[in-house]
Amino acid sequence: MTILINKEPTYNAKENYTLMKATRNIQLRALRYSDIQLLYEWVNDPEIVKYTYSFHPVSEMEHEEWFDSLSQLKSKVLFGIEVKEGERLIILIIRSF
């Protein structure tokens, strides 16, 4: 297992330093601004969100406002799990503390 240090600006309560763990194929990492488009697609896909909450389309502006608000969160930390090959995000984790 490898410990990674995130170098890109992150959008979570622990944005100044983020230690992450990795296996051979996947890694846990902080959410990045570059994830915004993929998360927008996910939140607007009824098949993805049908088991999490009531589906309603989200505008790009609403999504950007939500994403920008993540840096202000004090009681939650957001992480992503990505496939190392191609650095493809596959899961978003929101952890309250």
N, C-alpha and C. Protein backbone atom coordinates (compact mmCIF):
# COMPACT_ATOMS: atom_id res chain seq x y z
N MET A 1 0.83 -1.17 0.00
CA MET A 1 0.00 0.00 0.00
C MET A 1 0.89 1.24 0.00
N THR A 2 0.49 2.25 -0.76
CA THR A 2 1.26 3.46 -0.93
C THR A 2 0.52 4.64 -0.32
N ILE A 3 1.24 5.56 0.27
CA ILE A 3 0.65 6.81 0.76
C ILE A 3 0.92 7.87 -0.29
N LEU A 4 -0.12 8.57 -0.74
CA LEU A 4 0.01 9.60 -1.74
C LEU A 4 -0.28 10.95 -1.12
N ILE A 5 0.34 11.97 -1.62
CA ILE A 5 0.04 13.34 -1.20
C ILE A 5 -0.56 14.05 -2.39
N ASN A 6 -1.74 14.59 -2.22
CA ASN A 6 -2.42 15.28 -3.30
C ASN A 6 -1.75 16.63 -3.56
N LYS A 7 -1.45 16.94 -4.82
CA LYS A 7 -0.78 18.19 -5.16
C LYS A 7 -1.71 19.18 -5.84
N GLU A 8 -2.87 18.75 -6.33
CA GLU A 8 -3.82 19.63 -7.00
C GLU A 8 -4.76 20.24 -5.96
N PRO A 9 -5.24 21.47 -6.18
CA PRO A 9 -6.21 22.04 -5.24
C PRO A 9 -7.40 21.11 -5.05
N THR A 10 -7.81 20.95 -3.81
CA THR A 10 -8.90 20.02 -3.51
C THR A 10 -10.10 20.77 -2.98
N TYR A 11 -11.22 20.09 -2.94
CA TYR A 11 -12.46 20.69 -2.50
C TYR A 11 -13.03 19.86 -1.37
N ASN A 12 -12.45 20.01 -0.20
CA ASN A 12 -12.95 19.36 1.00
C ASN A 12 -12.40 20.07 2.22
N ALA A 13 -12.87 19.67 3.39
CA ALA A 13 -12.49 20.36 4.62
C ALA A 13 -11.01 20.21 4.97
N LYS A 14 -10.33 19.24 4.42
CA LYS A 14 -8.92 19.01 4.71
C LYS A 14 -8.06 19.38 3.51
N GLU A 15 -8.35 20.49 2.85
CA GLU A 15 -7.72 20.77 1.57
C GLU A 15 -6.23 21.09 1.62
N ASN A 16 -5.69 21.49 2.73
CA ASN A 16 -4.28 21.85 2.77
C ASN A 16 -3.34 20.65 2.74
N TYR A 17 -3.77 19.54 3.22
CA TYR A 17 -2.97 18.32 3.15
C TYR A 17 -3.92 17.14 3.09
N THR A 18 -3.61 16.22 2.22
CA THR A 18 -4.47 15.06 2.08
C THR A 18 -3.60 13.84 1.86
N LEU A 19 -3.53 12.99 2.84
CA LEU A 19 -2.81 11.74 2.69
C LEU A 19 -3.79 10.69 2.20
N MET A 20 -3.39 9.96 1.20
CA MET A 20 -4.28 8.98 0.59
C MET A 20 -3.58 7.62 0.54
N LYS A 21 -4.38 6.59 0.47
CA LYS A 21 -3.84 5.24 0.35
C LYS A 21 -4.17 4.68 -1.01
N ALA A 22 -3.34 3.77 -1.46
CA ALA A 22 -3.54 3.18 -2.77
C ALA A 22 -3.23 1.70 -2.74
N THR A 23 -3.91 0.97 -3.58
CA THR A 23 -3.57 -0.43 -3.83
C THR A 23 -2.95 -0.47 -5.22
N ARG A 24 -2.78 -1.65 -5.75
CA ARG A 24 -2.16 -1.77 -7.06
C ARG A 24 -3.03 -1.16 -8.17
N ASN A 25 -4.37 -1.24 -8.03
CA ASN A 25 -5.25 -0.81 -9.10
C ASN A 25 -6.09 0.43 -8.83
N ILE A 26 -6.34 0.74 -7.57
CA ILE A 26 -7.17 1.90 -7.24
C ILE A 26 -6.49 2.74 -6.17
N GLN A 27 -6.94 3.99 -6.06
CA GLN A 27 -6.40 4.86 -5.02
C GLN A 27 -7.49 5.78 -4.51
N LEU A 28 -7.37 6.12 -3.25
CA LEU A 28 -8.25 7.06 -2.58
C LEU A 28 -7.60 8.42 -2.69
N ARG A 29 -8.36 9.41 -3.12
CA ARG A 29 -7.78 10.74 -3.27
C ARG A 29 -8.82 11.81 -2.98
N ALA A 30 -8.34 13.02 -2.76
CA ALA A 30 -9.22 14.16 -2.53
C ALA A 30 -9.95 14.51 -3.83
N LEU A 31 -11.12 15.07 -3.68
CA LEU A 31 -11.88 15.54 -4.82
C LEU A 31 -11.15 16.72 -5.44
N ARG A 32 -11.15 16.81 -6.76
CA ARG A 32 -10.45 17.88 -7.48
C ARG A 32 -11.44 18.68 -8.32
N TYR A 33 -11.06 19.90 -8.63
CA TYR A 33 -11.91 20.71 -9.50
C TYR A 33 -12.07 20.04 -10.86
N SER A 34 -11.07 19.31 -11.30
CA SER A 34 -11.16 18.63 -12.60
C SER A 34 -12.24 17.53 -12.59
N ASP A 35 -12.79 17.18 -11.43
CA ASP A 35 -13.86 16.18 -11.34
C ASP A 35 -15.25 16.78 -11.58
N ILE A 36 -15.35 18.09 -11.68
CA ILE A 36 -16.65 18.74 -11.70
C ILE A 36 -17.55 18.25 -12.83
N GLN A 37 -17.02 18.06 -14.03
CA GLN A 37 -17.86 17.65 -15.16
C GLN A 37 -18.38 16.23 -14.97
N LEU A 38 -17.54 15.34 -14.51
CA LEU A 38 -17.98 13.96 -14.29
C LEU A 38 -19.05 13.90 -13.21
N LEU A 39 -18.86 14.63 -12.12
CA LEU A 39 -19.87 14.65 -11.05
C LEU A 39 -21.17 15.26 -11.53
N TYR A 40 -21.11 16.24 -12.41
CA TYR A 40 -22.30 16.84 -13.00
C TYR A 40 -23.06 15.79 -13.82
N GLU A 41 -22.34 15.01 -14.58
CA GLU A 41 -22.97 13.94 -15.37
C GLU A 41 -23.61 12.91 -14.45
N TRP A 42 -22.91 12.55 -13.39
CA TRP A 42 -23.45 11.56 -12.45
C TRP A 42 -24.73 12.04 -11.80
N VAL A 43 -24.75 13.28 -11.30
CA VAL A 43 -25.91 13.78 -10.57
C VAL A 43 -27.12 13.96 -11.48
N ASN A 44 -26.91 14.06 -12.77
CA ASN A 44 -28.01 14.19 -13.72
C ASN A 44 -28.36 12.89 -14.42
N ASP A 45 -27.80 11.81 -13.97
CA ASP A 45 -28.12 10.49 -14.54
C ASP A 45 -29.09 9.78 -13.61
N PRO A 46 -30.37 9.63 -14.01
CA PRO A 46 -31.37 9.01 -13.13
C PRO A 46 -30.99 7.60 -12.69
N GLU A 47 -30.30 6.86 -13.52
CA GLU A 47 -29.91 5.49 -13.16
C GLU A 47 -28.88 5.48 -12.03
N ILE A 48 -28.05 6.48 -11.97
CA ILE A 48 -27.03 6.54 -10.93
C ILE A 48 -27.62 6.99 -9.60
N VAL A 49 -28.51 7.97 -9.64
CA VAL A 49 -29.00 8.56 -8.39
C VAL A 49 -30.33 7.98 -7.90
N LYS A 50 -30.91 7.05 -8.61
CA LYS A 50 -32.26 6.60 -8.24
C LYS A 50 -32.34 5.95 -6.86
N TYR A 51 -31.25 5.44 -6.32
CA TYR A 51 -31.29 4.82 -5.00
C TYR A 51 -30.75 5.73 -3.90
N THR A 52 -30.33 6.92 -4.24
CA THR A 52 -29.73 7.78 -3.23
C THR A 52 -30.66 8.89 -2.75
N TYR A 53 -31.39 9.51 -3.62
CA TYR A 53 -32.33 10.56 -3.24
C TYR A 53 -33.27 10.83 -4.41
N SER A 54 -34.25 11.67 -4.20
CA SER A 54 -35.19 12.00 -5.27
C SER A 54 -34.47 12.67 -6.42
N PHE A 55 -34.69 12.16 -7.61
CA PHE A 55 -34.01 12.71 -8.77
C PHE A 55 -34.69 13.98 -9.25
N HIS A 56 -33.90 14.98 -9.50
CA HIS A 56 -34.35 16.16 -10.24
C HIS A 56 -33.13 16.70 -10.97
N PRO A 57 -33.32 17.13 -12.21
CA PRO A 57 -32.17 17.64 -12.96
C PRO A 57 -31.52 18.83 -12.25
N VAL A 58 -30.21 18.88 -12.32
CA VAL A 58 -29.42 19.95 -11.71
C VAL A 58 -28.79 20.75 -12.84
N SER A 59 -28.94 22.07 -12.78
CA SER A 59 -28.33 22.92 -13.81
C SER A 59 -26.83 22.99 -13.59
N GLU A 60 -26.12 23.43 -14.62
CA GLU A 60 -24.67 23.60 -14.48
C GLU A 60 -24.36 24.64 -13.40
N MET A 61 -25.15 25.71 -13.33
CA MET A 61 -24.92 26.75 -12.35
C MET A 61 -25.13 26.20 -10.93
N GLU A 62 -26.20 25.44 -10.70
CA GLU A 62 -26.45 24.83 -9.39
C GLU A 62 -25.30 23.91 -9.00
N HIS A 63 -24.84 23.14 -9.97
CA HIS A 63 -23.76 22.20 -9.71
C HIS A 63 -22.47 22.93 -9.35
N GLU A 64 -22.14 23.97 -10.09
CA GLU A 64 -20.94 24.74 -9.80
C GLU A 64 -21.02 25.39 -8.42
N GLU A 65 -22.19 25.91 -8.06
CA GLU A 65 -22.36 26.50 -6.73
C GLU A 65 -22.17 25.45 -5.64
N TRP A 66 -22.74 24.25 -5.85
CA TRP A 66 -22.56 23.15 -4.89
C TRP A 66 -21.08 22.80 -4.78
N PHE A 67 -20.43 22.65 -5.92
CA PHE A 67 -19.03 22.25 -5.92
C PHE A 67 -18.17 23.30 -5.23
N ASP A 68 -18.42 24.57 -5.51
CA ASP A 68 -17.66 25.65 -4.87
C ASP A 68 -17.90 25.69 -3.36
N SER A 69 -19.09 25.30 -2.93
CA SER A 69 -19.40 25.31 -1.49
C SER A 69 -18.66 24.21 -0.73
N LEU A 70 -18.14 23.23 -1.42
CA LEU A 70 -17.46 22.12 -0.75
C LEU A 70 -16.25 22.59 0.05
N SER A 71 -15.58 23.62 -0.42
CA SER A 71 -14.39 24.09 0.30
C SER A 71 -14.75 24.73 1.64
N GLN A 72 -16.02 25.07 1.84
CA GLN A 72 -16.47 25.68 3.09
C GLN A 72 -16.95 24.66 4.12
N LEU A 73 -17.07 23.41 3.72
CA LEU A 73 -17.59 22.39 4.63
C LEU A 73 -16.63 22.17 5.79
N LYS A 74 -17.15 22.17 6.98
CA LYS A 74 -16.33 21.91 8.16
C LYS A 74 -16.64 20.56 8.78
N SER A 75 -17.79 19.99 8.46
CA SER A 75 -18.20 18.73 9.09
C SER A 75 -18.18 17.55 8.13
N LYS A 76 -17.73 17.76 6.90
CA LYS A 76 -17.68 16.67 5.93
C LYS A 76 -16.36 16.73 5.18
N VAL A 77 -15.91 15.58 4.75
CA VAL A 77 -14.73 15.46 3.91
C VAL A 77 -15.15 14.66 2.69
N LEU A 78 -14.72 15.08 1.53
CA LEU A 78 -15.07 14.40 0.29
C LEU A 78 -13.83 13.78 -0.32
N PHE A 79 -13.97 12.54 -0.71
CA PHE A 79 -12.89 11.79 -1.35
C PHE A 79 -13.43 11.12 -2.60
N GLY A 80 -12.53 10.71 -3.44
CA GLY A 80 -12.89 9.92 -4.59
C GLY A 80 -12.04 8.66 -4.62
N ILE A 81 -12.59 7.63 -5.18
CA ILE A 81 -11.81 6.42 -5.47
C ILE A 81 -11.65 6.41 -6.98
N GLU A 82 -10.41 6.24 -7.40
CA GLU A 82 -10.17 6.24 -8.84
C GLU A 82 -9.35 5.02 -9.24
N VAL A 83 -9.54 4.64 -10.49
CA VAL A 83 -8.72 3.60 -11.09
C VAL A 83 -7.40 4.26 -11.45
N LYS A 84 -6.29 3.67 -11.01
CA LYS A 84 -4.99 4.30 -11.25
C LYS A 84 -4.69 4.44 -12.73
N GLU A 85 -4.96 3.40 -13.49
CA GLU A 85 -4.70 3.47 -14.92
C GLU A 85 -5.71 4.41 -15.55
N GLY A 86 -5.26 5.53 -16.05
CA GLY A 86 -6.14 6.52 -16.64
C GLY A 86 -6.71 7.50 -15.64
N GLU A 87 -6.43 7.31 -14.35
CA GLU A 87 -6.90 8.21 -13.29
C GLU A 87 -8.39 8.51 -13.45
N ARG A 88 -9.20 7.46 -13.59
CA ARG A 88 -10.64 7.59 -13.80
C ARG A 88 -11.38 7.45 -12.47
N LEU A 89 -12.08 8.52 -12.07
CA LEU A 89 -12.86 8.52 -10.84
C LEU A 89 -14.03 7.54 -10.98
N ILE A 90 -14.23 6.68 -9.97
CA ILE A 90 -15.32 5.71 -10.05
C ILE A 90 -16.31 5.83 -8.89
N ILE A 91 -15.92 6.47 -7.79
CA ILE A 91 -16.80 6.59 -6.63
C ILE A 91 -16.51 7.91 -5.92
N LEU A 92 -17.59 8.54 -5.45
CA LEU A 92 -17.48 9.74 -4.61
C LEU A 92 -17.87 9.32 -3.20
N ILE A 93 -17.06 9.70 -2.21
CA ILE A 93 -17.33 9.39 -0.80
C ILE A 93 -17.50 10.70 -0.05
N ILE A 94 -18.62 10.82 0.65
CA ILE A 94 -18.84 11.98 1.51
C ILE A 94 -18.87 11.45 2.94
N ARG A 95 -17.94 11.89 3.74
CA ARG A 95 -17.79 11.39 5.10
C ARG A 95 -18.04 12.51 6.09
N SER A 96 -19.01 12.33 6.96
CA SER A 96 -19.28 13.31 8.02
C SER A 96 -18.47 12.95 9.26
N PHE A 97 -18.08 13.97 10.00
CA PHE A 97 -17.38 13.73 11.26
C PHE A 97 -17.78 14.75 12.28
